[in-house]
């Protein structure tokens, strides 16, 4: 992730067969994730975040049939 002023820009490698993604965010490592976006591309700019706060993300991919993959490894982003 790339931190910004009240934002975090995320990008990831698109797995074969993925048609959409779910971006999960939490303010606590490995706990209480919520879906914050469902982009159709392998990137997302998460905006409107609090300054100087660490956010934790996981991504999943959905195939054309709507089957969701396992979550990615967790990544963190500290906003500026």
Protein backbone atom coordinates (compact mmCIF):
# COMPACT_ATOMS: atom_id res chain seq x y z
CA UNK A 1 0.00 0.00 0.00
CA UNK A 2 1.00 3.58 -0.59
CA UNK A 3 -0.02 5.98 2.18
CA UNK A 4 -1.31 9.45 1.46
CA UNK A 5 -3.02 12.31 3.23
CA UNK A 6 -6.18 10.57 4.56
CA UNK A 7 -5.87 7.76 1.98
CA UNK A 8 -4.20 4.45 1.14
CA UNK A 9 -3.63 3.30 -2.44
CA UNK A 10 -3.70 -0.47 -2.88
CA UNK A 11 -2.78 -2.64 -5.85
CA UNK A 12 -2.31 -6.38 -6.18
CA UNK A 13 -1.53 -9.09 -8.72
CA UNK A 14 -4.68 -10.25 -10.45
CA UNK A 15 -5.16 -14.03 -10.28
CA UNK A 16 -6.35 -15.88 -13.39
CA UNK A 17 -10.13 -15.96 -13.67
CA UNK A 18 -10.81 -13.03 -11.30
CA UNK A 19 -13.59 -10.70 -12.39
CA UNK A 20 -14.08 -8.55 -9.27
CA UNK A 21 -12.42 -8.11 -5.91
CA UNK A 22 -13.43 -7.40 -2.33
CA UNK A 23 -11.28 -5.00 -0.31
CA UNK A 24 -11.53 -5.60 3.44
CA UNK A 25 -10.33 -3.00 5.97
CA UNK A 26 -9.82 -2.97 9.74
CA UNK A 27 -8.20 -0.69 12.29
CA UNK A 28 -7.09 -3.73 14.31
CA UNK A 29 -4.63 -6.29 12.95
CA UNK A 30 -6.31 -9.59 12.03
CA UNK A 31 -9.69 -8.59 13.49
CA UNK A 32 -13.06 -7.13 12.57
CA UNK A 33 -12.67 -6.60 8.82
CA UNK A 34 -15.41 -4.92 6.79
CA UNK A 35 -15.75 -4.74 3.01
CA UNK A 36 -15.03 -1.17 1.90
CA UNK A 37 -14.95 -1.64 -1.88
CA UNK A 38 -15.63 -4.13 -4.68
CA UNK A 39 -13.52 -2.89 -7.59
CA UNK A 40 -13.48 -4.52 -11.01
CA UNK A 41 -9.73 -3.87 -11.35
CA UNK A 42 -6.72 -4.90 -9.26
CA UNK A 43 -6.35 -1.57 -7.49
CA UNK A 44 -8.26 0.68 -5.09
CA UNK A 45 -7.65 4.11 -3.57
CA UNK A 46 -9.21 4.09 -0.10
CA UNK A 47 -10.00 7.73 0.79
CA UNK A 48 -11.59 9.65 3.64
CA UNK A 49 -9.40 7.97 6.26
CA UNK A 50 -8.18 9.51 9.51
CA UNK A 51 -4.71 11.06 9.47
CA UNK A 52 -1.82 9.28 11.24
CA UNK A 53 -3.81 6.05 11.60
CA UNK A 54 -2.79 2.51 10.68
CA UNK A 55 -5.29 0.56 8.58
CA UNK A 56 -5.09 -3.14 7.81
CA UNK A 57 -6.26 -4.66 4.52
CA UNK A 58 -6.99 -8.03 2.97
CA UNK A 59 -8.19 -8.70 -0.58
CA UNK A 60 -10.22 -11.52 -2.06
CA UNK A 61 -11.02 -12.26 -5.71
CA UNK A 62 -14.37 -13.35 -7.13
CA UNK A 63 -14.64 -15.37 -10.31
CA UNK A 64 -17.36 -14.87 -12.96
CA UNK A 65 -19.60 -17.28 -11.03
CA UNK A 66 -19.36 -15.18 -7.87
CA UNK A 67 -17.18 -17.65 -5.96
CA UNK A 68 -14.90 -15.80 -3.54
CA UNK A 69 -11.27 -16.82 -3.05
CA UNK A 70 -9.47 -17.01 0.26
CA UNK A 71 -8.28 -13.69 1.67
CA UNK A 72 -4.82 -12.40 0.87
CA UNK A 73 -2.18 -11.91 3.52
CA UNK A 74 -2.76 -8.81 5.62
CA UNK A 75 -1.00 -5.57 4.68
CA UNK A 76 -0.92 -2.33 6.65
CA UNK A 77 -0.91 1.33 5.70
CA UNK A 78 -0.18 4.29 7.97
CA UNK A 79 -1.85 7.44 6.65
CA UNK A 80 0.03 10.73 6.71
